Amino acid sequence: NPPPDSVITLHETACVDPGCPLVESVITVFDGP
């Protein structure tokens, strides 16, 4: 239930480092500056 002017993004990244998941998804909420 973020403020109305917030922006929510969903993206995924790949990782090749040992011990890192092959693919990671991230939800990011930009509530303001």
Full PDB file with SEQRES, HELIX, SHEET, SSBOND, CRYST1, ORIGX, SCALE, CONECT and MASTER records, all heavy atoms in Angstrom:
SEQRES   1 A   33  ASN PRO PRO PRO ASP SER VAL ILE THR LEU HIS GLU THR          
SEQRES   2 A   33  ALA CYS VAL ASP PRO GLY CYS PRO LEU VAL GLU SER VAL          
SEQRES   3 A   33  ILE THR VAL PHE ASP GLY PRO                                  
SHEET    1 AA1 2 VAL A   7  ALA A  14  0                                        
SHEET    2 AA1 2 VAL A  23  PHE A  30 -1                                        
SSBOND   1 CYS A   15    CYS A   20                          1555   1555  2.25  
CRYST1    1.000    1.000    1.000  90.00  90.00  90.00 P 1           1          
ORIGX1      1.000000  0.000000  0.000000        0.00000                         
ORIGX2      0.000000  1.000000  0.000000        0.00000                         
ORIGX3      0.000000  0.000000  1.000000        0.00000                         
SCALE1      1.000000  0.000000  0.000000        0.00000                         
SCALE2      0.000000  1.000000  0.000000        0.00000                         
SCALE3      0.000000  0.000000  1.000000        0.00000                         
ATOM      1  N   ASN A   1       0.829  -1.207   0.000  1.00  0.00           N  
ATOM      2  CA  ASN A   1       0.000   0.000   0.000  1.00  0.00           C  
ATOM      3  C   ASN A   1       0.868   1.263   0.000  1.00  0.00           C  
ATOM      4  O   ASN A   1       0.769   2.096   0.905  1.00  0.00           O  
ATOM      5  CB  ASN A   1      -0.958  -0.017   1.191  1.00  0.00           C  
ATOM      6  CG  ASN A   1      -2.056   1.002   1.043  1.00  0.00           C  
ATOM      7  OD1 ASN A   1      -2.360   1.444  -0.061  1.00  0.00           O  
ATOM      8  ND2 ASN A   1      -2.639   1.392   2.159  1.00  0.00           N  
ATOM      9  N   PRO A   2       1.716   1.417  -1.027  1.00  0.00           N  
ATOM     10  CA  PRO A   2       2.621   2.578  -1.061  1.00  0.00           C  
ATOM     11  C   PRO A   2       1.874   3.864  -1.399  1.00  0.00           C  
ATOM     12  O   PRO A   2       0.724   3.814  -1.854  1.00  0.00           O  
ATOM     13  CB  PRO A   2       3.598   2.219  -2.182  1.00  0.00           C  
ATOM     14  CG  PRO A   2       2.781   1.392  -3.113  1.00  0.00           C  
ATOM     15  CD  PRO A   2       1.854   0.590  -2.218  1.00  0.00           C  
ATOM     16  N   PRO A   3       2.514   5.013  -1.190  1.00  0.00           N  
ATOM     17  CA  PRO A   3       1.886   6.276  -1.596  1.00  0.00           C  
ATOM     18  C   PRO A   3       1.559   6.237  -3.095  1.00  0.00           C  
ATOM     19  O   PRO A   3       2.216   5.541  -3.868  1.00  0.00           O  
ATOM     20  CB  PRO A   3       2.969   7.324  -1.306  1.00  0.00           C  
ATOM     21  CG  PRO A   3       3.867   6.693  -0.299  1.00  0.00           C  
ATOM     22  CD  PRO A   3       3.825   5.213  -0.567  1.00  0.00           C  
ATOM     23  N   PRO A   4       0.545   6.996  -3.522  1.00  0.00           N  
ATOM     24  CA  PRO A   4       0.103   6.946  -4.921  1.00  0.00           C  
ATOM     25  C   PRO A   4       1.177   7.282  -5.955  1.00  0.00           C  
ATOM     26  O   PRO A   4       1.125   6.793  -7.078  1.00  0.00           O  
ATOM     27  CB  PRO A   4      -1.026   7.977  -4.995  1.00  0.00           C  
ATOM     28  CG  PRO A   4      -1.410   8.262  -3.597  1.00  0.00           C  
ATOM     29  CD  PRO A   4      -0.267   7.900  -2.724  1.00  0.00           C  
ATOM     30  N   ASP A   5       2.149   8.111  -5.590  1.00  0.00           N  
ATOM     31  CA  ASP A   5       3.170   8.488  -6.562  1.00  0.00           C  
ATOM     32  C   ASP A   5       4.380   7.554  -6.552  1.00  0.00           C  
ATOM     33  O   ASP A   5       5.356   7.800  -7.245  1.00  0.00           O  
ATOM     34  CB  ASP A   5       3.606   9.934  -6.348  1.00  0.00           C  
ATOM     35  CG  ASP A   5       4.147  10.178  -4.947  1.00  0.00           C  
ATOM     36  OD1 ASP A   5       3.882   9.345  -4.047  1.00  0.00           O  
ATOM     37  OD2 ASP A   5       4.838  11.192  -4.745  1.00  0.00           O  
ATOM     38  N   SER A   6       4.323   6.463  -5.789  1.00  0.00           N  
ATOM     39  CA  SER A   6       5.422   5.490  -5.769  1.00  0.00           C  
ATOM     40  C   SER A   6       5.471   4.702  -7.071  1.00  0.00           C  
ATOM     41  O   SER A   6       4.451   4.523  -7.736  1.00  0.00           O  
ATOM     42  CB  SER A   6       5.251   4.512  -4.608  1.00  0.00           C  
ATOM     43  OG  SER A   6       5.382   5.170  -3.386  1.00  0.00           O  
ATOM     44  N   VAL A   7       6.664   4.221  -7.392  1.00  0.00           N  
ATOM     45  CA  VAL A   7       6.858   3.394  -8.582  1.00  0.00           C  
ATOM     46  C   VAL A   7       7.394   2.046  -8.122  1.00  0.00           C  
ATOM     47  O   VAL A   7       8.335   1.974  -7.321  1.00  0.00           O  
ATOM     48  CB  VAL A   7       7.861   4.052  -9.557  1.00  0.00           C  
ATOM     49  CG1 VAL A   7       8.134   3.146 -10.739  1.00  0.00           C  
ATOM     50  CG2 VAL A   7       7.333   5.396 -10.020  1.00  0.00           C  
ATOM     51  N   ILE A   8       6.788   0.973  -8.622  1.00  0.00           N  
ATOM     52  CA  ILE A   8       7.233  -0.386  -8.293  1.00  0.00           C  
ATOM     53  C   ILE A   8       7.784  -1.018  -9.557  1.00  0.00           C  
ATOM     54  O   ILE A   8       7.127  -1.007 -10.600  1.00  0.00           O  
ATOM     55  CB  ILE A   8       6.074  -1.228  -7.731  1.00  0.00           C  
ATOM     56  CG1 ILE A   8       5.582  -0.626  -6.414  1.00  0.00           C  
ATOM     57  CG2 ILE A   8       6.505  -2.678  -7.546  1.00  0.00           C  
ATOM     58  CD1 ILE A   8       4.387  -1.323  -5.810  1.00  0.00           C  
ATOM     59  N   THR A   9       9.006  -1.544  -9.456  1.00  0.00           N  
ATOM     60  CA  THR A   9       9.603  -2.236 -10.599  1.00  0.00           C  
ATOM     61  C   THR A   9       9.890  -3.681 -10.222  1.00  0.00           C  
ATOM     62  O   THR A   9      10.067  -4.013  -9.051  1.00  0.00           O  
ATOM     63  CB  THR A   9      10.922  -1.572 -11.052  1.00  0.00           C  
ATOM     64  OG1 THR A   9      11.892  -1.676 -10.012  1.00  0.00           O  
ATOM     65  CG2 THR A   9      10.709  -0.117 -11.427  1.00  0.00           C  
ATOM     66  N   LEU A  10       9.938  -4.529 -11.220  1.00  0.00           N  
ATOM     67  CA  LEU A  10      10.296  -5.932 -11.063  1.00  0.00           C  
ATOM     68  C   LEU A  10      11.282  -6.251 -12.165  1.00  0.00           C  
ATOM     69  O   LEU A  10      10.984  -6.063 -13.345  1.00  0.00           O  
ATOM     70  CB  LEU A  10       9.057  -6.826 -11.178  1.00  0.00           C  
ATOM     71  CG  LEU A  10       9.307  -8.331 -11.229  1.00  0.00           C  
ATOM     72  CD1 LEU A  10       9.946  -8.832  -9.938  1.00  0.00           C  
ATOM     73  CD2 LEU A  10       8.015  -9.065 -11.518  1.00  0.00           C  
ATOM     74  N   HIS A  11      12.470  -6.675 -11.788  1.00  0.00           N  
ATOM     75  CA  HIS A  11      13.432  -7.062 -12.816  1.00  0.00           C  
ATOM     76  C   HIS A  11      14.220  -8.269 -12.328  1.00  0.00           C  
ATOM     77  O   HIS A  11      14.174  -8.624 -11.148  1.00  0.00           O  
ATOM     78  CB  HIS A  11      14.357  -5.903 -13.195  1.00  0.00           C  
ATOM     79  CG  HIS A  11      15.352  -5.539 -12.146  1.00  0.00           C  
ATOM     80  ND1 HIS A  11      15.054  -4.717 -11.083  1.00  0.00           N  
ATOM     81  CD2 HIS A  11      16.645  -5.891 -11.987  1.00  0.00           C  
ATOM     82  CE1 HIS A  11      16.128  -4.575 -10.325  1.00  0.00           C  
ATOM     83  NE2 HIS A  11      17.095  -5.277 -10.849  1.00  0.00           N  
ATOM     84  N   GLU A  12      14.893  -8.914 -13.244  1.00  0.00           N  
ATOM     85  CA  GLU A  12      15.732 -10.051 -12.868  1.00  0.00           C  
ATOM     86  C   GLU A  12      17.115  -9.884 -13.464  1.00  0.00           C  
ATOM     87  O   GLU A  12      17.285  -9.247 -14.510  1.00  0.00           O  
ATOM     88  CB  GLU A  12      15.103 -11.381 -13.260  1.00  0.00           C  
ATOM     89  CG  GLU A  12      14.865 -11.585 -14.717  1.00  0.00           C  
ATOM     90  CD  GLU A  12      14.113 -12.875 -15.007  1.00  0.00           C  
ATOM     91  OE1 GLU A  12      13.190 -13.234 -14.267  1.00  0.00           O  
ATOM     92  OE2 GLU A  12      14.478 -13.515 -16.002  1.00  0.00           O  
ATOM     93  N   THR A  13      18.073 -10.425 -12.757  1.00  0.00           N  
ATOM     94  CA  THR A  13      19.458 -10.359 -13.201  1.00  0.00           C  
ATOM     95  C   THR A  13      20.073 -11.742 -13.102  1.00  0.00           C  
ATOM     96  O   THR A  13      19.642 -12.570 -12.299  1.00  0.00           O  
ATOM     97  CB  THR A  13      20.277  -9.376 -12.331  1.00  0.00           C  
ATOM     98  OG1 THR A  13      20.200  -9.787 -10.966  1.00  0.00           O  
ATOM     99  CG2 THR A  13      19.770  -7.966 -12.458  1.00  0.00           C  
ATOM    100  N   ALA A  14      21.068 -11.981 -13.903  1.00  0.00           N  
ATOM    101  CA  ALA A  14      21.805 -13.238 -13.871  1.00  0.00           C  
ATOM    102  C   ALA A  14      23.099 -13.027 -13.098  1.00  0.00           C  
ATOM    103  O   ALA A  14      23.628 -11.924 -13.044  1.00  0.00           O  
ATOM    104  CB  ALA A  14      22.110 -13.696 -15.290  1.00  0.00           C  
ATOM    105  N   CYS A  15      23.589 -14.089 -12.505  1.00  0.00           N  
ATOM    106  CA  CYS A  15      24.836 -14.010 -11.746  1.00  0.00           C  
ATOM    107  C   CYS A  15      25.664 -15.258 -12.035  1.00  0.00           C  
ATOM    108  O   CYS A  15      25.129 -16.362 -12.054  1.00  0.00           O  
ATOM    109  CB  CYS A  15      24.538 -13.914 -10.252  1.00  0.00           C  
ATOM    110  SG  CYS A  15      26.020 -13.762  -9.238  1.00  0.00           S  
ATOM    111  N   VAL A  16      26.941 -15.065 -12.254  1.00  0.00           N  
ATOM    112  CA  VAL A  16      27.827 -16.201 -12.520  1.00  0.00           C  
ATOM    113  C   VAL A  16      28.822 -16.408 -11.385  1.00  0.00           C  
ATOM    114  O   VAL A  16      29.662 -17.297 -11.453  1.00  0.00           O  
ATOM    115  CB  VAL A  16      28.597 -16.019 -13.861  1.00  0.00           C  
ATOM    116  CG1 VAL A  16      27.635 -16.051 -15.031  1.00  0.00           C  
ATOM    117  CG2 VAL A  16      29.408 -14.747 -13.861  1.00  0.00           C  
ATOM    118  N   ASP A  17      28.732 -15.612 -10.324  1.00  0.00           N  
ATOM    119  CA  ASP A  17      29.628 -15.767  -9.184  1.00  0.00           C  
ATOM    120  C   ASP A  17      29.310 -17.050  -8.422  1.00  0.00           C  
ATOM    121  O   ASP A  17      28.142 -17.430  -8.295  1.00  0.00           O  
ATOM    122  CB  ASP A  17      29.503 -14.577  -8.224  1.00  0.00           C  
ATOM    123  CG  ASP A  17      29.960 -13.272  -8.843  1.00  0.00           C  
ATOM    124  OD1 ASP A  17      30.779 -13.332  -9.791  1.00  0.00           O  
ATOM    125  OD2 ASP A  17      29.493 -12.211  -8.399  1.00  0.00           O  
ATOM    126  N   PRO A  18      30.331 -17.735  -7.879  1.00  0.00           N  
ATOM    127  CA  PRO A  18      30.089 -18.946  -7.091  1.00  0.00           C  
ATOM    128  C   PRO A  18      29.199 -18.629  -5.881  1.00  0.00           C  
ATOM    129  O   PRO A  18      29.349 -17.611  -5.230  1.00  0.00           O  
ATOM    130  CB  PRO A  18      31.487 -19.366  -6.626  1.00  0.00           C  
ATOM    131  CG  PRO A  18      32.429 -18.658  -7.530  1.00  0.00           C  
ATOM    132  CD  PRO A  18      31.744 -17.406  -7.988  1.00  0.00           C  
ATOM    133  N   GLY A  19      28.245 -19.504  -5.620  1.00  0.00           N  
ATOM    134  CA  GLY A  19      27.356 -19.334  -4.490  1.00  0.00           C  
ATOM    135  C   GLY A  19      26.201 -18.376  -4.727  1.00  0.00           C  
ATOM    136  O   GLY A  19      25.337 -18.201  -3.888  1.00  0.00           O  
ATOM    137  N   CYS A  20      26.178 -17.760  -5.875  1.00  0.00           N  
ATOM    138  CA  CYS A  20      25.134 -16.795  -6.229  1.00  0.00           C  
ATOM    139  C   CYS A  20      24.044 -17.548  -7.000  1.00  0.00           C  
ATOM    140  O   CYS A  20      24.358 -18.450  -7.775  1.00  0.00           O  
ATOM    141  CB  CYS A  20      25.768 -15.717  -7.110  1.00  0.00           C  
ATOM    142  SG  CYS A  20      24.687 -14.361  -7.526  1.00  0.00           S  
ATOM    143  N   PRO A  21      22.765 -17.207  -6.797  1.00  0.00           N  
ATOM    144  CA  PRO A  21      21.742 -17.875  -7.619  1.00  0.00           C  
ATOM    145  C   PRO A  21      21.940 -17.523  -9.086  1.00  0.00           C  
ATOM    146  O   PRO A  21      22.416 -16.435  -9.401  1.00  0.00           O  
ATOM    147  CB  PRO A  21      20.423 -17.317  -7.086  1.00  0.00           C  
ATOM    148  CG  PRO A  21      20.792 -16.068  -6.373  1.00  0.00           C  
ATOM    149  CD  PRO A  21      22.200 -16.208  -5.913  1.00  0.00           C  
ATOM    150  N   LEU A  22      21.583 -18.438  -9.964  1.00  0.00           N  
ATOM    151  CA  LEU A  22      21.746 -18.182 -11.401  1.00  0.00           C  
ATOM    152  C   LEU A  22      20.918 -16.999 -11.851  1.00  0.00           C  
ATOM    153  O   LEU A  22      21.341 -16.219 -12.685  1.00  0.00           O  
ATOM    154  CB  LEU A  22      21.361 -19.420 -12.209  1.00  0.00           C  
ATOM    155  CG  LEU A  22      22.282 -20.619 -12.060  1.00  0.00           C  
ATOM    156  CD1 LEU A  22      21.741 -21.794 -12.855  1.00  0.00           C  
ATOM    157  CD2 LEU A  22      23.680 -20.271 -12.506  1.00  0.00           C  
ATOM    158  N   VAL A  23      19.720 -16.876 -11.298  1.00  0.00           N  
ATOM    159  CA  VAL A  23      18.832 -15.768 -11.638  1.00  0.00           C  
ATOM    160  C   VAL A  23      18.237 -15.238 -10.344  1.00  0.00           C  
ATOM    161  O   VAL A  23      17.818 -16.005  -9.480  1.00  0.00           O  
ATOM    162  CB  VAL A  23      17.697 -16.215 -12.583  1.00  0.00           C  
ATOM    163  CG1 VAL A  23      16.754 -15.068 -12.881  1.00  0.00           C  
ATOM    164  CG2 VAL A  23      18.260 -16.769 -13.879  1.00  0.00           C  
ATOM    165  N   GLU A  24      18.201 -13.934 -10.235  1.00  0.00           N  
ATOM    166  CA  GLU A  24      17.639 -13.276  -9.063  1.00  0.00           C  
ATOM    167  C   GLU A  24      16.610 -12.258  -9.543  1.00  0.00           C  
ATOM    168  O   GLU A  24      16.866 -11.508 -10.475  1.00  0.00           O  
ATOM    169  CB  GLU A  24      18.766 -12.575  -8.307  1.00  0.00           C  
ATOM    170  CG  GLU A  24      18.315 -11.750  -7.139  1.00  0.00           C  
ATOM    171  CD  GLU A  24      19.475 -11.061  -6.464  1.00  0.00           C  
ATOM    172  OE1 GLU A  24      19.910 -10.008  -6.983  1.00  0.00           O  
ATOM    173  OE2 GLU A  24      19.935 -11.567  -5.447  1.00  0.00           O  
ATOM    174  N   SER A  25      15.442 -12.255  -8.907  1.00  0.00           N  
ATOM    175  CA  SER A  25      14.423 -11.257  -9.210  1.00  0.00           C  
ATOM    176  C   SER A  25      14.396 -10.246  -8.076  1.00  0.00           C  
ATOM    177  O   SER A  25      14.612 -10.596  -6.919  1.00  0.00           O  
ATOM    178  CB  SER A  25      13.041 -11.906  -9.340  1.00  0.00           C  
ATOM    179  OG  SER A  25      13.030 -12.799 -10.418  1.00  0.00           O  
ATOM    180  N   VAL A  26      14.135  -8.992  -8.411  1.00  0.00           N  
ATOM    181  CA  VAL A  26      14.137  -7.924  -7.419  1.00  0.00           C  
ATOM    182  C   VAL A  26      12.895  -7.063  -7.601  1.00  0.00           C  
ATOM    183  O   VAL A  26      12.603  -6.612  -8.708  1.00  0.00           O  
ATOM    184  CB  VAL A  26      15.399  -7.033  -7.553  1.00  0.00           C  
ATOM    185  CG1 VAL A  26      15.397  -5.926  -6.504  1.00  0.00           C  
ATOM    186  CG2 VAL A  26      16.668  -7.861  -7.459  1.00  0.00           C  
ATOM    187  N   ILE A  27      12.174  -6.869  -6.498  1.00  0.00           N  
ATOM    188  CA  ILE A  27      11.091  -5.885  -6.474  1.00  0.00           C  
ATOM    189  C   ILE A  27      11.672  -4.646  -5.820  1.00  0.00           C  
ATOM    190  O   ILE A  27      12.215  -4.707  -4.712  1.00  0.00           O  
ATOM    191  CB  ILE A  27       9.871  -6.380  -5.677  1.00  0.00           C  
ATOM    192  CG1 ILE A  27       9.206  -7.549  -6.396  1.00  0.00           C  
ATOM    193  CG2 ILE A  27       8.864  -5.239  -5.458  1.00  0.00           C  
ATOM    194  CD1 ILE A  27       8.031  -8.158  -5.658  1.00  0.00           C  
ATOM    195  N   THR A  28      11.585  -3.518  -6.510  1.00  0.00           N  
ATOM    196  CA  THR A  28      12.097  -2.246  -5.999  1.00  0.00           C  
ATOM    197  C   THR A  28      10.941  -1.257  -5.942  1.00  0.00           C  
ATOM    198  O   THR A  28      10.156  -1.156  -6.881  1.00  0.00           O  
ATOM    199  CB  THR A  28      13.206  -1.691  -6.913  1.00  0.00           C  
ATOM    200  OG1 THR A  28      14.224  -2.681  -7.058  1.00  0.00           O  
ATOM    201  CG2 THR A  28      13.820  -0.424  -6.321  1.00  0.00           C  
ATOM    202  N   VAL A  29      10.857  -0.546  -4.828  1.00  0.00           N  
ATOM    203  CA  VAL A  29       9.827   0.472  -4.652  1.00  0.00           C  
ATOM    204  C   VAL A  29      10.522   1.813  -4.491  1.00  0.00           C  
ATOM    205  O   VAL A  29      11.360   1.984  -3.600  1.00  0.00           O  
ATOM    206  CB  VAL A  29       8.935   0.187  -3.425  1.00  0.00           C  
ATOM    207  CG1 VAL A  29       7.872   1.262  -3.269  1.00  0.00           C  
ATOM    208  CG2 VAL A  29       8.295  -1.192  -3.534  1.00  0.00           C  
ATOM    209  N   PHE A  30      10.195   2.737  -5.382  1.00  0.00           N  
ATOM    210  CA  PHE A  30      10.718   4.093  -5.330  1.00  0.00           C  
ATOM    211  C   PHE A  30       9.617   4.972  -4.726  1.00  0.00           C  
ATOM    212  O   PHE A  30       8.641   5.286  -5.400  1.00  0.00           O  
ATOM    213  CB  PHE A  30      11.073   4.595  -6.734  1.00  0.00           C  
ATOM    214  CG  PHE A  30      12.132   3.770  -7.417  1.00  0.00           C  
ATOM    215  CD1 PHE A  30      11.783   2.707  -8.227  1.00  0.00           C  
ATOM    216  CD2 PHE A  30      13.464   4.070  -7.232  1.00  0.00           C  
ATOM    217  CE1 PHE A  30      12.750   1.943  -8.853  1.00  0.00           C  
ATOM    218  CE2 PHE A  30      14.442   3.314  -7.863  1.00  0.00           C  
ATOM    219  CZ  PHE A  30      14.089   2.253  -8.662  1.00  0.00           C  
ATOM    220  N   ASP A  31       9.768   5.316  -3.442  1.00  0.00           N  
ATOM    221  CA  ASP A  31       8.755   6.119  -2.763  1.00  0.00           C  
ATOM    222  C   ASP A  31       8.975   7.609  -2.949  1.00  0.00           C  
ATOM    223  O   ASP A  31       8.082   8.404  -2.709  1.00  0.00           O  
ATOM    224  CB  ASP A  31       8.729   5.800  -1.268  1.00  0.00           C  
ATOM    225  CG  ASP A  31       8.151   4.417  -1.006  1.00  0.00           C  
ATOM    226  OD1 ASP A  31       7.162   4.050  -1.656  1.00  0.00           O  
ATOM    227  OD2 ASP A  31       8.687   3.714  -0.137  1.00  0.00           O  
ATOM    228  N   GLY A  32      10.154   8.005  -3.338  1.00  0.00           N  
ATOM    229  CA  GLY A  32      10.476   9.410  -3.516  1.00  0.00           C  
ATOM    230  C   GLY A  32      11.984   9.548  -3.614  1.00  0.00           C  
ATOM    231  O   GLY A  32      12.716   8.563  -3.480  1.00  0.00           O  
ATOM    232  N   PRO A  33      12.463  10.745  -3.827  1.00  0.00           N  
ATOM    233  CA  PRO A  33      13.913  10.942  -3.942  1.00  0.00           C  
ATOM    234  C   PRO A  33      14.650  10.429  -2.697  1.00  0.00           C  
ATOM    235  O   PRO A  33      14.327  10.819  -1.573  1.00  0.00           O  
ATOM    236  CB  PRO A  33      14.063  12.455  -4.076  1.00  0.00           C  
ATOM    237  CG  PRO A  33      12.739  12.930  -4.575  1.00  0.00           C  
ATOM    238  CD  PRO A  33      11.719  11.993  -3.992  1.00  0.00           C  
TER     239      PRO A  33                                                      
CONECT  110  142                                                                
CONECT  142  110                                                                
MASTER        0    0    0    0    2    0    0    6  238    1    2    3          
END                                                                             
